[in-house]
N, C-alpha and C. Protein backbone atom coordinates (compact mmCIF):
# COMPACT_ATOMS: atom_id res chain seq x y z
N MET A 1 -16.92 -6.26 2.52
CA MET A 1 -16.42 -6.39 1.03
C MET A 1 -14.70 -6.00 1.44
N ILE A 2 -14.09 -6.49 0.49
CA ILE A 2 -12.68 -6.28 0.74
C ILE A 2 -12.47 -5.11 -1.06
N LYS A 3 -11.19 -4.09 0.41
CA LYS A 3 -11.43 -3.08 -0.92
C LYS A 3 -10.55 -3.23 -2.16
N VAL A 4 -9.97 -2.15 -2.95
CA VAL A 4 -9.12 -2.41 -3.75
C VAL A 4 -8.36 -1.23 -4.42
N ALA A 5 -6.95 -1.58 -4.00
CA ALA A 5 -6.30 -0.85 -4.09
C ALA A 5 -4.91 -0.38 -5.67
N PRO A 6 -5.37 -0.61 -6.60
CA PRO A 6 -4.33 -1.01 -7.97
C PRO A 6 -3.19 -0.26 -7.89
N SER A 7 -2.00 -0.69 -7.97
CA SER A 7 -0.76 0.10 -7.46
C SER A 7 -0.21 0.03 -8.93
N LEU A 8 -0.15 1.30 -9.10
CA LEU A 8 0.66 2.44 -10.33
C LEU A 8 1.71 1.84 -10.64
N LEU A 9 2.87 0.68 -10.24
CA LEU A 9 3.77 0.22 -10.09
C LEU A 9 3.70 -0.17 -11.84
N ALA A 10 2.22 -1.47 -11.74
CA ALA A 10 1.98 -2.08 -12.92
C ALA A 10 1.84 -1.88 -14.21
N SER A 11 1.14 0.17 -14.28
CA SER A 11 1.04 0.29 -15.02
C SER A 11 1.63 1.12 -15.92
N ASP A 12 1.13 1.69 -17.10
CA ASP A 12 2.02 2.23 -18.40
C ASP A 12 2.24 2.94 -18.06
N PHE A 13 3.72 3.82 -17.67
CA PHE A 13 4.17 5.07 -16.77
C PHE A 13 4.75 5.94 -18.05
N SER A 14 3.95 5.62 -19.71
CA SER A 14 4.50 6.53 -20.86
C SER A 14 2.77 7.12 -20.54
N CYS A 15 1.71 7.16 -19.69
CA CYS A 15 0.06 7.64 -19.49
C CYS A 15 0.03 7.19 -18.05
N LEU A 16 0.72 7.84 -17.17
CA LEU A 16 0.02 7.45 -16.11
C LEU A 16 -1.36 8.14 -16.17
N ALA A 17 -1.62 9.60 -15.93
CA ALA A 17 -2.98 10.30 -16.18
C ALA A 17 -3.99 9.31 -17.19
N GLU A 18 -3.62 8.91 -18.18
CA GLU A 18 -4.64 7.84 -18.90
C GLU A 18 -5.05 6.53 -17.95
N GLU A 19 -3.82 6.05 -17.33
CA GLU A 19 -3.73 5.01 -16.16
C GLU A 19 -4.75 4.51 -15.52
N ILE A 20 -4.91 6.15 -14.51
CA ILE A 20 -5.25 5.90 -13.51
C ILE A 20 -6.67 6.25 -13.98
N ARG A 21 -7.46 6.89 -14.73
CA ARG A 21 -8.71 6.51 -15.42
C ARG A 21 -9.39 5.51 -15.68
N THR A 22 -8.45 3.97 -15.59
CA THR A 22 -9.54 3.11 -16.04
C THR A 22 -9.46 2.05 -15.23
N VAL A 23 -8.78 2.91 -13.97
CA VAL A 23 -9.58 2.38 -11.98
C VAL A 23 -9.93 3.21 -11.30
N GLU A 24 -10.74 3.70 -12.09
CA GLU A 24 -11.64 4.57 -10.48
C GLU A 24 -12.55 4.36 -10.42
N THR A 25 -12.67 3.19 -10.74
CA THR A 25 -14.00 2.18 -9.64
C THR A 25 -13.16 1.74 -8.50
N ALA A 26 -12.22 1.97 -8.32
CA ALA A 26 -10.75 1.33 -7.30
C ALA A 26 -11.67 2.02 -5.38
N ASP A 27 -11.01 1.43 -4.52
CA ASP A 27 -10.82 1.90 -4.06
C ASP A 27 -9.89 3.09 -3.40
N PHE A 28 -8.84 2.99 -3.85
CA PHE A 28 -7.55 3.81 -3.42
C PHE A 28 -6.78 3.18 -4.85
N LEU A 29 -6.29 3.94 -4.76
CA LEU A 29 -4.50 4.05 -5.82
C LEU A 29 -3.45 4.04 -4.76
N HIS A 30 -2.16 3.02 -5.22
CA HIS A 30 -1.61 2.80 -4.20
C HIS A 30 -0.52 2.83 -5.28
N LEU A 31 0.44 4.11 -4.53
CA LEU A 31 1.89 4.79 -5.13
C LEU A 31 2.87 4.78 -4.23
N ASP A 32 3.89 3.24 -5.10
CA ASP A 32 5.64 2.48 -4.32
C ASP A 32 6.35 3.44 -4.60
N VAL A 33 6.99 3.81 -4.01
CA VAL A 33 7.86 4.71 -3.74
C VAL A 33 9.20 4.03 -3.28
N MET A 34 10.19 4.06 -4.12
CA MET A 34 11.21 3.57 -4.12
C MET A 34 12.81 4.09 -4.13
N ASP A 35 13.29 3.80 -3.39
CA ASP A 35 14.94 4.74 -3.56
C ASP A 35 16.20 4.18 -3.63
N GLY A 36 16.24 3.16 -4.48
CA GLY A 36 17.24 2.35 -4.51
C GLY A 36 18.20 2.19 -3.31
N HIS A 37 18.20 2.27 -2.08
CA HIS A 37 18.44 1.22 -1.34
C HIS A 37 17.65 0.93 -0.16
N PHE A 38 16.60 1.29 0.37
CA PHE A 38 16.05 0.65 0.87
C PHE A 38 15.50 -0.82 0.48
N VAL A 39 15.06 -0.32 -0.98
CA VAL A 39 15.04 -1.50 -1.91
C VAL A 39 15.71 -1.21 -3.50
N PRO A 40 16.22 -2.28 -4.27
CA PRO A 40 16.78 -2.11 -5.05
C PRO A 40 16.25 -2.19 -5.99
N ASN A 41 15.60 -0.37 -6.38
CA ASN A 41 14.68 -0.60 -7.48
C ASN A 41 14.34 1.14 -6.96
N LEU A 42 14.08 1.74 -8.62
CA LEU A 42 13.72 3.31 -8.00
C LEU A 42 12.55 3.45 -8.74
N THR A 43 11.06 4.39 -8.45
CA THR A 43 10.33 4.24 -8.69
C THR A 43 10.04 5.87 -8.83
N ILE A 44 9.42 6.51 -8.04
CA ILE A 44 8.43 8.25 -8.66
C ILE A 44 8.72 9.09 -7.18
N GLY A 45 8.86 10.22 -7.29
CA GLY A 45 8.88 11.14 -6.21
C GLY A 45 8.37 11.97 -6.18
N PRO A 46 7.69 12.59 -4.68
CA PRO A 46 6.79 14.24 -5.04
C PRO A 46 6.30 14.72 -5.79
N CYS A 47 6.91 15.00 -6.94
CA CYS A 47 6.53 15.70 -8.15
C CYS A 47 5.70 15.31 -9.15
N VAL A 48 6.24 13.71 -8.92
CA VAL A 48 5.38 12.64 -9.69
C VAL A 48 4.06 12.44 -9.07
N VAL A 49 3.25 12.27 -7.89
CA VAL A 49 1.92 12.57 -7.19
C VAL A 49 1.82 14.16 -7.00
N GLU A 50 2.28 15.14 -6.35
CA GLU A 50 1.49 16.03 -7.42
C GLU A 50 1.10 16.10 -8.73
N CYS A 51 1.78 15.78 -10.08
CA CYS A 51 1.38 15.71 -11.29
C CYS A 51 -0.19 15.02 -11.46
N LEU A 52 0.09 13.97 -10.42
CA LEU A 52 -1.34 12.88 -10.72
C LEU A 52 -2.41 13.64 -10.28
N ARG A 53 -2.36 13.98 -9.24
CA ARG A 53 -3.51 14.75 -7.38
C ARG A 53 -4.46 14.86 -8.13
N PRO A 54 -4.76 16.30 -9.51
CA PRO A 54 -5.56 16.86 -9.86
C PRO A 54 -6.50 15.76 -11.14
N HIS A 55 -5.82 14.61 -11.47
CA HIS A 55 -6.54 13.72 -12.30
C HIS A 55 -6.78 12.46 -11.56
N THR A 56 -7.29 12.12 -10.36
CA THR A 56 -8.36 11.62 -9.58
C THR A 56 -8.86 12.02 -7.95
N ASP A 57 -9.74 11.98 -8.00
CA ASP A 57 -10.24 11.71 -6.44
C ASP A 57 -9.61 10.62 -5.88
N LEU A 58 -9.24 9.60 -6.07
CA LEU A 58 -8.68 8.18 -5.21
C LEU A 58 -8.27 9.39 -4.43
N PRO A 59 -7.76 8.07 -3.01
CA PRO A 59 -7.31 8.41 -2.16
C PRO A 59 -6.39 7.64 -2.44
N PHE A 60 -4.78 8.34 -2.51
CA PHE A 60 -3.30 7.73 -2.92
C PHE A 60 -2.62 7.74 -1.22
N ASP A 61 -2.74 6.10 -1.19
CA ASP A 61 -2.14 4.85 -1.16
C ASP A 61 -0.49 5.48 -0.94
N THR A 62 0.07 5.99 -0.57
CA THR A 62 1.78 6.05 -0.52
C THR A 62 2.58 5.07 -0.18
N HIS A 63 3.18 4.58 -0.37
CA HIS A 63 4.30 3.42 -0.17
C HIS A 63 5.26 3.72 0.52
N LEU A 64 6.27 4.19 1.50
CA LEU A 64 7.40 4.59 0.98
C LEU A 64 8.86 3.31 1.28
N MET A 65 9.23 2.82 0.66
CA MET A 65 10.07 1.73 0.64
C MET A 65 11.63 2.47 0.94
N ILE A 66 11.85 3.63 1.25
CA ILE A 66 12.67 4.22 1.45
C ILE A 66 13.59 4.09 2.84
N ASP A 67 14.79 4.24 2.71
CA ASP A 67 15.25 4.61 3.88
C ASP A 67 15.24 6.14 4.08
N ASN A 68 14.97 6.39 5.52
CA ASN A 68 14.81 7.74 5.53
C ASN A 68 13.99 8.16 5.59
N PRO A 69 12.73 7.94 5.69
CA PRO A 69 11.51 8.44 5.09
C PRO A 69 10.74 9.70 5.86
N LEU A 70 12.25 10.47 7.63
CA LEU A 70 11.59 11.36 7.76
C LEU A 70 12.11 12.12 6.79
N LYS A 71 12.61 12.54 5.89
CA LYS A 71 13.21 13.49 5.67
C LYS A 71 12.22 13.84 4.30
N TYR A 72 11.53 13.31 3.48
CA TYR A 72 10.47 13.14 2.74
C TYR A 72 9.03 13.35 3.31
N ILE A 73 8.82 12.80 4.13
CA ILE A 73 7.12 12.48 4.38
C ILE A 73 6.47 13.75 3.97
N GLU A 74 7.38 14.71 4.24
CA GLU A 74 6.94 16.43 3.96
C GLU A 74 6.30 16.73 2.63
N PRO A 75 7.59 16.71 1.53
CA PRO A 75 6.73 16.35 0.57
C PRO A 75 5.56 15.44 0.25
N PHE A 76 6.01 15.04 -0.08
CA PHE A 76 4.73 13.34 -0.15
C PHE A 76 3.37 13.79 0.03
N ALA A 77 3.50 14.05 1.78
CA ALA A 77 2.22 14.99 1.89
C ALA A 77 1.78 16.04 1.67
N LYS A 78 2.55 17.07 1.40
CA LYS A 78 2.23 18.31 0.30
C LYS A 78 1.88 17.54 -1.11
N SER A 79 2.25 16.87 -1.44
CA SER A 79 2.17 16.09 -3.17
C SER A 79 1.13 16.18 -2.99
N GLY A 80 0.05 15.44 -1.81
CA GLY A 80 -1.41 15.04 -2.05
C GLY A 80 -1.68 13.41 -1.62
N SER A 81 -0.58 12.86 -1.23
CA SER A 81 -1.00 11.91 -0.17
C SER A 81 -1.82 11.62 0.67
N ASP A 82 -2.66 10.85 0.61
CA ASP A 82 -3.70 10.88 1.75
C ASP A 82 -3.32 9.47 3.44
N TYR A 83 -2.81 8.61 2.44
CA TYR A 83 -2.44 8.23 3.62
C TYR A 83 -0.54 7.97 3.19
N ILE A 84 0.23 7.84 4.58
CA ILE A 84 2.00 7.88 4.15
C ILE A 84 2.44 6.38 5.60
N THR A 85 3.16 5.64 4.22
CA THR A 85 3.05 4.15 4.95
C THR A 85 5.29 3.88 5.15
N VAL A 86 5.37 4.15 5.79
CA VAL A 86 6.55 3.69 6.50
C VAL A 86 7.11 1.91 7.16
N HIS A 87 7.97 1.31 6.81
CA HIS A 87 8.30 0.30 6.85
C HIS A 87 8.83 0.30 8.34
N MET A 88 8.42 -0.78 8.91
CA MET A 88 9.19 -1.00 10.17
C MET A 88 10.39 -1.58 10.08
N GLU A 89 11.42 -1.78 8.73
CA GLU A 89 12.83 -2.11 8.79
C GLU A 89 13.46 -1.36 8.95
N GLN A 90 13.10 -0.20 8.37
CA GLN A 90 14.15 1.19 7.64
C GLN A 90 14.23 1.94 9.06
N PRO A 91 15.71 2.81 9.28
CA PRO A 91 16.61 3.16 10.31
C PRO A 91 15.47 4.48 11.19
N ASP A 92 14.96 5.18 10.75
CA ASP A 92 14.27 6.48 11.05
C ASP A 92 13.72 5.79 12.59
N ASP A 93 13.21 6.77 13.27
CA ASP A 93 12.55 6.73 14.23
C ASP A 93 10.81 6.20 14.19
N ILE A 94 9.92 5.12 14.73
CA ILE A 94 9.15 4.76 14.31
C ILE A 94 7.74 5.61 14.37
N LYS A 95 8.17 6.40 16.10
CA LYS A 95 6.55 7.39 16.59
C LYS A 95 7.49 8.61 15.84
N GLN A 96 8.61 8.79 15.27
CA GLN A 96 8.59 10.19 14.52
C GLN A 96 7.91 10.46 13.76
N CYS A 97 7.62 9.27 12.77
CA CYS A 97 7.45 9.12 11.41
C CYS A 97 6.30 9.06 11.80
N ILE A 98 5.51 8.77 12.31
CA ILE A 98 3.94 8.87 12.49
C ILE A 98 3.36 10.28 13.02
N SER A 99 4.20 11.03 13.89
CA SER A 99 4.04 12.25 14.26
C SER A 99 3.91 12.86 13.53
N LEU A 100 4.92 12.91 12.57
CA LEU A 100 5.23 14.20 11.84
C LEU A 100 3.91 13.52 10.34
N ILE A 101 3.98 12.27 10.12
CA ILE A 101 2.48 12.26 8.66
C ILE A 101 1.89 12.32 9.02
N GLN A 102 1.20 12.72 10.45
CA GLN A 102 -0.02 13.32 10.93
C GLN A 102 0.42 14.51 11.34
N SER A 103 0.81 15.14 11.34
CA SER A 103 1.04 17.24 12.14
C SER A 103 0.69 17.66 10.29
N PHE A 104 0.59 16.87 9.31
CA PHE A 104 -0.10 17.30 7.78
C PHE A 104 -1.24 17.33 7.87
N GLY A 105 -1.60 16.30 8.70
CA GLY A 105 -3.00 15.87 8.33
C GLY A 105 -3.14 14.69 7.78
N LYS A 106 -2.38 14.07 7.72
CA LYS A 106 -2.51 12.43 6.97
C LYS A 106 -2.28 11.78 7.87
N LYS A 107 -3.58 10.68 7.24
CA LYS A 107 -3.14 8.97 7.94
C LYS A 107 -1.55 8.64 8.12
N ALA A 108 -1.51 7.77 8.99
CA ALA A 108 -0.56 6.86 8.85
C ALA A 108 -0.79 5.23 9.00
N GLY A 109 0.88 5.13 8.16
CA GLY A 109 0.59 4.00 7.94
C GLY A 109 1.89 2.23 8.52
N LEU A 110 2.08 1.60 8.77
CA LEU A 110 3.17 0.64 9.03
C LEU A 110 3.06 -0.25 8.07
N ALA A 111 4.09 -0.69 7.63
CA ALA A 111 4.20 -1.90 6.68
C ALA A 111 5.07 -2.55 6.87
N ILE A 112 4.76 -4.28 7.02
CA ILE A 112 6.67 -4.96 7.13
C ILE A 112 6.55 -6.30 5.76
N SER A 113 8.09 -6.03 5.76
CA SER A 113 8.54 -7.17 5.14
C SER A 113 7.85 -8.77 5.52
N PRO A 114 8.28 -9.52 4.58
CA PRO A 114 8.04 -11.34 4.57
C PRO A 114 8.02 -12.21 5.93
N ASP A 115 9.95 -11.42 6.53
CA ASP A 115 10.88 -12.12 6.74
C ASP A 115 10.11 -11.53 8.91
N THR A 116 9.46 -10.00 8.71
CA THR A 116 9.09 -9.57 9.69
C THR A 116 7.58 -9.69 10.81
N PRO A 117 8.67 -9.96 11.82
CA PRO A 117 7.63 -10.76 12.69
C PRO A 117 6.12 -9.49 12.83
N ILE A 118 5.11 -10.34 13.06
CA ILE A 118 4.34 -8.72 13.28
C ILE A 118 4.02 -8.49 14.84
N ASP A 119 4.55 -9.51 15.86
CA ASP A 119 4.72 -8.23 16.85
C ASP A 119 5.40 -7.08 17.15
N VAL A 120 6.13 -6.58 16.17
CA VAL A 120 7.36 -5.18 15.69
C VAL A 120 5.96 -4.25 15.68
N LEU A 121 4.59 -4.94 15.18
CA LEU A 121 3.36 -3.10 15.25
C LEU A 121 2.55 -2.57 16.34
N LYS A 122 2.43 -4.18 17.44
CA LYS A 122 1.98 -3.94 18.77
C LYS A 122 2.09 -2.18 19.55
N PRO A 123 3.33 -1.79 19.46
CA PRO A 123 3.61 -0.88 20.53
C PRO A 123 2.86 0.78 19.48
N TYR A 124 2.55 0.37 18.09
CA TYR A 124 1.79 1.98 17.29
C TYR A 124 -0.11 1.26 17.31
N LEU A 125 -0.29 0.48 17.36
CA LEU A 125 -1.55 -0.01 17.10
C LEU A 125 -2.34 1.10 17.45
N ASN A 126 -2.46 2.47 18.27
CA ASN A 126 -3.20 3.27 18.75
C ASN A 126 -3.35 4.84 17.79
N GLU A 127 -1.72 3.96 17.16
CA GLU A 127 -1.60 5.77 16.46
C GLU A 127 -1.43 5.62 14.87
N ILE A 128 -1.80 4.67 14.54
CA ILE A 128 -1.79 3.97 13.21
C ILE A 128 -3.28 3.91 12.69
N SER A 129 -3.40 4.31 10.60
CA SER A 129 -4.88 3.96 10.22
C SER A 129 -4.39 2.42 9.31
N ILE A 130 -3.51 2.21 9.13
CA ILE A 130 -3.53 1.09 8.19
C ILE A 130 -2.30 0.25 8.23
N ILE A 131 -2.17 -0.84 7.92
CA ILE A 131 -1.54 -1.74 8.12
C ILE A 131 -1.01 -2.89 6.64
N THR A 132 0.23 -2.30 5.92
CA THR A 132 0.32 -2.80 4.72
C THR A 132 1.42 -4.51 4.25
N VAL A 133 1.09 -5.27 4.73
CA VAL A 133 1.21 -6.36 4.70
C VAL A 133 2.02 -6.81 3.38
N MET A 134 3.25 -7.20 3.11
CA MET A 134 4.13 -7.19 2.31
C MET A 134 3.41 -8.95 2.09
N SER A 135 3.00 -9.50 0.98
CA SER A 135 3.15 -11.16 0.55
C SER A 135 4.02 -10.75 -0.99
N VAL A 136 5.05 -9.97 -0.81
CA VAL A 136 6.22 -10.39 -1.73
C VAL A 136 7.71 -9.83 -0.95
N TYR A 137 8.04 -10.04 -1.62
CA TYR A 137 9.46 -8.88 -0.89
C TYR A 137 9.77 -7.71 -1.62
N PRO A 138 9.72 -6.62 -0.96
CA PRO A 138 9.49 -5.18 -1.50
C PRO A 138 10.48 -5.04 -2.58
N GLY A 139 10.72 -4.15 -3.24
CA GLY A 139 11.40 -3.66 -4.79
C GLY A 139 11.25 -4.05 -5.98
N PHE A 140 10.05 -5.10 -6.44
CA PHE A 140 9.86 -5.31 -7.66
C PHE A 140 8.47 -6.03 -7.64
N GLY A 141 7.28 -5.85 -8.59
CA GLY A 141 6.20 -6.10 -8.73
C GLY A 141 6.16 -6.95 -9.88
N GLY A 142 5.42 -8.10 -9.83
CA GLY A 142 4.84 -9.01 -10.65
C GLY A 142 5.60 -10.78 -10.11
N GLN A 143 6.10 -10.29 -8.40
CA GLN A 143 6.62 -11.88 -7.82
C GLN A 143 5.44 -12.52 -7.57
N LYS A 144 5.06 -13.32 -6.87
CA LYS A 144 4.98 -14.80 -6.26
C LYS A 144 4.55 -14.75 -4.94
N PHE A 145 3.37 -15.01 -4.68
CA PHE A 145 2.37 -14.45 -3.81
C PHE A 145 3.09 -14.80 -2.87
N ILE A 146 3.44 -14.74 -1.39
CA ILE A 146 4.72 -15.81 -0.57
C ILE A 146 2.98 -16.80 0.80
N GLU A 147 2.49 -17.79 0.17
CA GLU A 147 2.10 -18.36 1.31
C GLU A 147 1.15 -18.10 2.46
N THR A 148 2.92 -18.05 3.26
CA THR A 148 2.89 -18.16 4.79
C THR A 148 1.89 -16.21 4.95
N THR A 149 1.67 -15.52 4.20
CA THR A 149 1.16 -14.53 4.30
C THR A 149 -0.50 -14.50 4.89
N TYR A 150 -0.89 -15.71 4.45
CA TYR A 150 -2.18 -15.47 5.16
C TYR A 150 -2.62 -15.85 6.89
N ASP A 151 -1.12 -16.44 7.59
CA ASP A 151 -1.05 -16.62 8.84
C ASP A 151 -0.73 -15.50 9.87
N LYS A 152 0.09 -14.26 8.63
CA LYS A 152 -0.01 -13.12 9.17
C LYS A 152 -0.81 -12.61 9.19
N VAL A 153 -2.14 -12.58 8.25
CA VAL A 153 -2.99 -11.62 8.16
C VAL A 153 -3.49 -11.62 8.92
N VAL A 154 -4.10 -13.40 9.05
CA VAL A 154 -5.09 -14.13 10.86
C VAL A 154 -4.50 -13.31 11.96
N GLY A 155 -3.10 -12.95 12.37
CA GLY A 155 -2.59 -12.48 13.50
C GLY A 155 -2.61 -11.85 13.02
N ILE A 156 -2.63 -10.75 12.51
CA ILE A 156 -3.06 -9.09 12.63
C ILE A 156 -4.25 -8.43 12.99
N ALA A 157 -4.66 -9.24 12.64
CA ALA A 157 -6.42 -9.18 12.29
C ALA A 157 -6.45 -9.03 14.03
N LYS A 158 -6.06 -10.26 14.63
CA LYS A 158 -6.90 -10.40 15.31
C LYS A 158 -5.72 -9.96 16.50
N MET A 159 -5.21 -8.98 16.33
CA MET A 159 -4.79 -7.50 17.45
C MET A 159 -5.25 -6.29 17.14
N ILE A 160 -5.70 -5.86 15.54
CA ILE A 160 -6.32 -4.88 15.05
C ILE A 160 -7.84 -5.31 15.72
N GLN A 161 -8.58 -5.71 15.80
CA GLN A 161 -9.74 -7.33 15.73
C GLN A 161 -10.76 -5.17 16.36
N ASP A 162 -10.31 -4.61 17.59
CA ASP A 162 -11.02 -3.41 17.93
C ASP A 162 -10.56 -2.00 17.92
N LYS A 163 -9.96 -1.83 16.68
CA LYS A 163 -9.62 -0.55 16.11
C LYS A 163 -9.98 -0.28 14.64
N ASP A 164 -9.80 1.05 14.84
CA ASP A 164 -9.57 1.60 12.96
C ASP A 164 -9.19 1.77 12.46
N ILE A 165 -8.56 -0.06 12.45
CA ILE A 165 -7.16 0.49 11.04
C ILE A 165 -7.66 -0.84 10.03
N LEU A 166 -6.95 -0.32 8.75
CA LEU A 166 -7.31 -0.99 7.78
C LEU A 166 -6.00 -1.87 7.79
N LEU A 167 -6.29 -3.36 7.19
CA LEU A 167 -5.37 -4.05 6.76
C LEU A 167 -5.25 -4.91 6.01
N SER A 168 -4.38 -4.11 5.00
CA SER A 168 -3.77 -4.32 4.02
C SER A 168 -2.69 -5.30 3.24
N VAL A 169 -2.71 -5.88 1.94
CA VAL A 169 -1.67 -7.05 1.36
C VAL A 169 -1.71 -6.20 0.27
N ASP A 170 -0.26 -6.59 -0.13
CA ASP A 170 0.55 -5.58 -0.85
C ASP A 170 1.59 -6.91 -1.79
N GLY A 171 1.30 -7.08 -2.97
CA GLY A 171 2.30 -8.01 -3.34
C GLY A 171 1.14 -9.52 -3.98
N GLY A 172 1.71 -9.64 -5.90
CA GLY A 172 1.09 -10.64 -6.11
C GLY A 172 -0.72 -11.17 -5.23
N VAL A 173 -1.55 -10.07 -5.92
CA VAL A 173 -2.59 -10.30 -5.12
C VAL A 173 -3.90 -9.85 -6.21
N ASN A 174 -4.36 -11.52 -6.22
CA ASN A 174 -5.37 -11.30 -7.14
C ASN A 174 -6.96 -12.12 -7.38
N ALA A 175 -7.84 -11.97 -7.94
CA ALA A 175 -8.88 -12.66 -7.02
C ALA A 175 -9.52 -14.02 -6.98
N GLU A 176 -8.61 -14.67 -7.00
CA GLU A 176 -8.24 -15.92 -6.50
C GLU A 176 -7.62 -16.09 -5.00
N ASN A 177 -6.90 -15.24 -4.52
CA ASN A 177 -6.34 -14.98 -3.70
C ASN A 177 -6.58 -14.28 -2.35
N ALA A 178 -7.56 -13.24 -3.77
CA ALA A 178 -7.81 -12.11 -2.55
C ALA A 178 -9.43 -12.39 -1.87
N ARG A 179 -10.03 -13.58 -1.87
CA ARG A 179 -11.04 -14.27 -1.07
C ARG A 179 -10.70 -15.06 0.20
N LYS A 180 -9.71 -15.38 -0.10
CA LYS A 180 -9.05 -15.62 1.43
C LYS A 180 -8.41 -14.61 2.26
N LEU A 181 -7.87 -13.75 1.47
CA LEU A 181 -7.08 -13.02 2.39
C LEU A 181 -9.02 -12.66 3.27
N GLU A 182 -9.35 -11.88 2.55
CA GLU A 182 -11.13 -11.61 2.95
C GLU A 182 -11.13 -12.47 3.82
N ALA A 183 -11.09 -13.50 4.19
CA ALA A 183 -11.87 -14.33 5.29
C ALA A 183 -10.70 -14.22 6.40
N CYS A 184 -9.22 -13.95 5.45
CA CYS A 184 -8.69 -13.94 7.11
C CYS A 184 -8.24 -12.45 7.65
N GLY A 185 -8.77 -11.51 6.98
CA GLY A 185 -8.70 -10.64 7.67
C GLY A 185 -8.82 -9.56 7.27
N ALA A 186 -8.42 -9.36 6.15
CA ALA A 186 -7.26 -8.38 5.27
C ALA A 186 -8.71 -7.61 5.03
N SER A 187 -8.80 -6.43 4.17
CA SER A 187 -9.85 -4.82 4.17
C SER A 187 -9.26 -4.37 2.59
N VAL A 188 -8.21 -4.29 2.64
CA VAL A 188 -7.94 -4.27 1.92
C VAL A 188 -6.79 -5.28 0.83
N ALA A 189 -6.97 -4.49 -0.06
CA ALA A 189 -6.02 -5.74 -2.02
C ALA A 189 -5.52 -5.01 -2.64
N VAL A 190 -3.63 -4.53 -2.17
CA VAL A 190 -3.23 -3.90 -3.02
C VAL A 190 -2.80 -5.21 -4.31
N ALA A 191 -3.69 -4.58 -5.30
CA ALA A 191 -3.33 -5.32 -6.95
C ALA A 191 -2.31 -4.70 -7.89
N GLY A 192 -1.62 -5.35 -8.43
CA GLY A 192 -0.60 -4.95 -9.67
C GLY A 192 -1.60 -4.94 -10.94
N SER A 193 -0.18 -6.52 -11.00
CA SER A 193 -0.37 -6.55 -12.43
C SER A 193 -2.07 -7.38 -12.46
N SER A 194 -2.94 -7.81 -11.97
CA SER A 194 -4.00 -8.06 -11.71
C SER A 194 -4.84 -7.26 -12.38
N VAL A 195 -5.02 -6.09 -12.11
CA VAL A 195 -5.63 -5.08 -12.78
C VAL A 195 -4.20 -4.63 -13.69
N PHE A 196 -3.84 -4.33 -13.82
CA PHE A 196 -3.08 -3.13 -15.20
C PHE A 196 -3.05 -4.02 -16.07
N GLY A 197 -2.69 -5.29 -15.60
CA GLY A 197 -2.05 -6.46 -16.52
C GLY A 197 -3.40 -6.35 -17.77
N VAL A 198 -4.68 -6.26 -17.83
CA VAL A 198 -5.70 -7.07 -18.99
C VAL A 198 -6.32 -5.62 -18.69
N ASN A 199 -7.14 -5.84 -19.86
CA ASN A 199 -7.58 -4.76 -20.77
C ASN A 199 -9.02 -3.87 -19.74
N ASN A 200 -9.57 -4.46 -19.03
CA ASN A 200 -11.24 -4.56 -18.07
C ASN A 200 -10.87 -4.20 -17.22
N ARG A 201 -9.87 -3.38 -16.76
CA ARG A 201 -9.86 -2.72 -15.67
C ARG A 201 -10.96 -2.84 -14.36
N ALA A 202 -12.17 -2.50 -14.84
CA ALA A 202 -13.04 -2.09 -14.25
C ALA A 202 -13.72 -3.63 -13.61
N ALA A 203 -13.87 -4.24 -15.07
CA ALA A 203 -13.57 -6.16 -14.44
C ALA A 203 -12.98 -6.69 -13.78
N ALA A 204 -12.02 -6.19 -13.56
CA ALA A 204 -10.71 -7.00 -12.77
C ALA A 204 -10.75 -6.98 -11.43
N ILE A 205 -11.05 -5.54 -11.43
CA ILE A 205 -11.35 -4.74 -9.57
C ILE A 205 -12.80 -5.09 -8.94
N MET A 206 -13.65 -5.53 -10.06
CA MET A 206 -15.04 -6.14 -9.31
C MET A 206 -14.76 -7.61 -8.88
N ASP A 207 -13.79 -8.20 -9.79
CA ASP A 207 -13.62 -9.48 -9.11
C ASP A 207 -12.70 -10.12 -8.32
N ILE A 208 -11.92 -9.07 -7.53
CA ILE A 208 -10.68 -8.82 -6.85
C ILE A 208 -11.90 -8.92 -5.61
N ARG A 209 -12.56 -7.70 -5.87
CA ARG A 209 -13.73 -7.35 -4.76
C ARG A 209 -14.90 -8.31 -4.57
N GLY A 210 -14.48 -9.40 -4.92
CA GLY A 210 -15.64 -10.69 -4.99
C GLY A 210 -16.96 -9.93 -5.51
N GLU A 211 -17.56 -8.98 -6.73
CA GLU A 211 -19.17 -8.48 -6.41
C GLU A 211 -19.25 -9.80 -7.51
């Protein structure tokens, strides 16, 4: 059964602690960090993650959509992140990023944007715990799901079939396409508006899981 990671980006930022409590039945909480450089938007920093940490036991899947993550991995690790994911397209050395994340006892992940081929992930498959496939262009929520994502998920699932790596899909995910993503090999659905955009978040999470 696919795991669900509600994306905090789609929540009401005026009451984040209350919003988190409405998704406690999820498997992870997905935190999008944007810097206005790697993507044309700004979101949260380590201080927000630190403030949120006491309000839930959900693992924090912190997705760094930023340039130069080597500067920021330590504060995000110390603020309470459990998984820290960096993008293949950013300029810092990937192996250094992975090593630094793991040096703080956190699980390292890699993300790829829609135009990035999956083969770039191959050199790092023995070192990471999660792969995030962007099914929209990073930077803004509410975008339409890119259909070619299914083929990428199938390809990555074959690459990691003998490895303990979560395969997450981020962007435009809902109960309908989650079934197909799961069949393709995805293990985590990052869901923004399809969870936080409805009143009954627990029911939405169940729908995405297929319960």
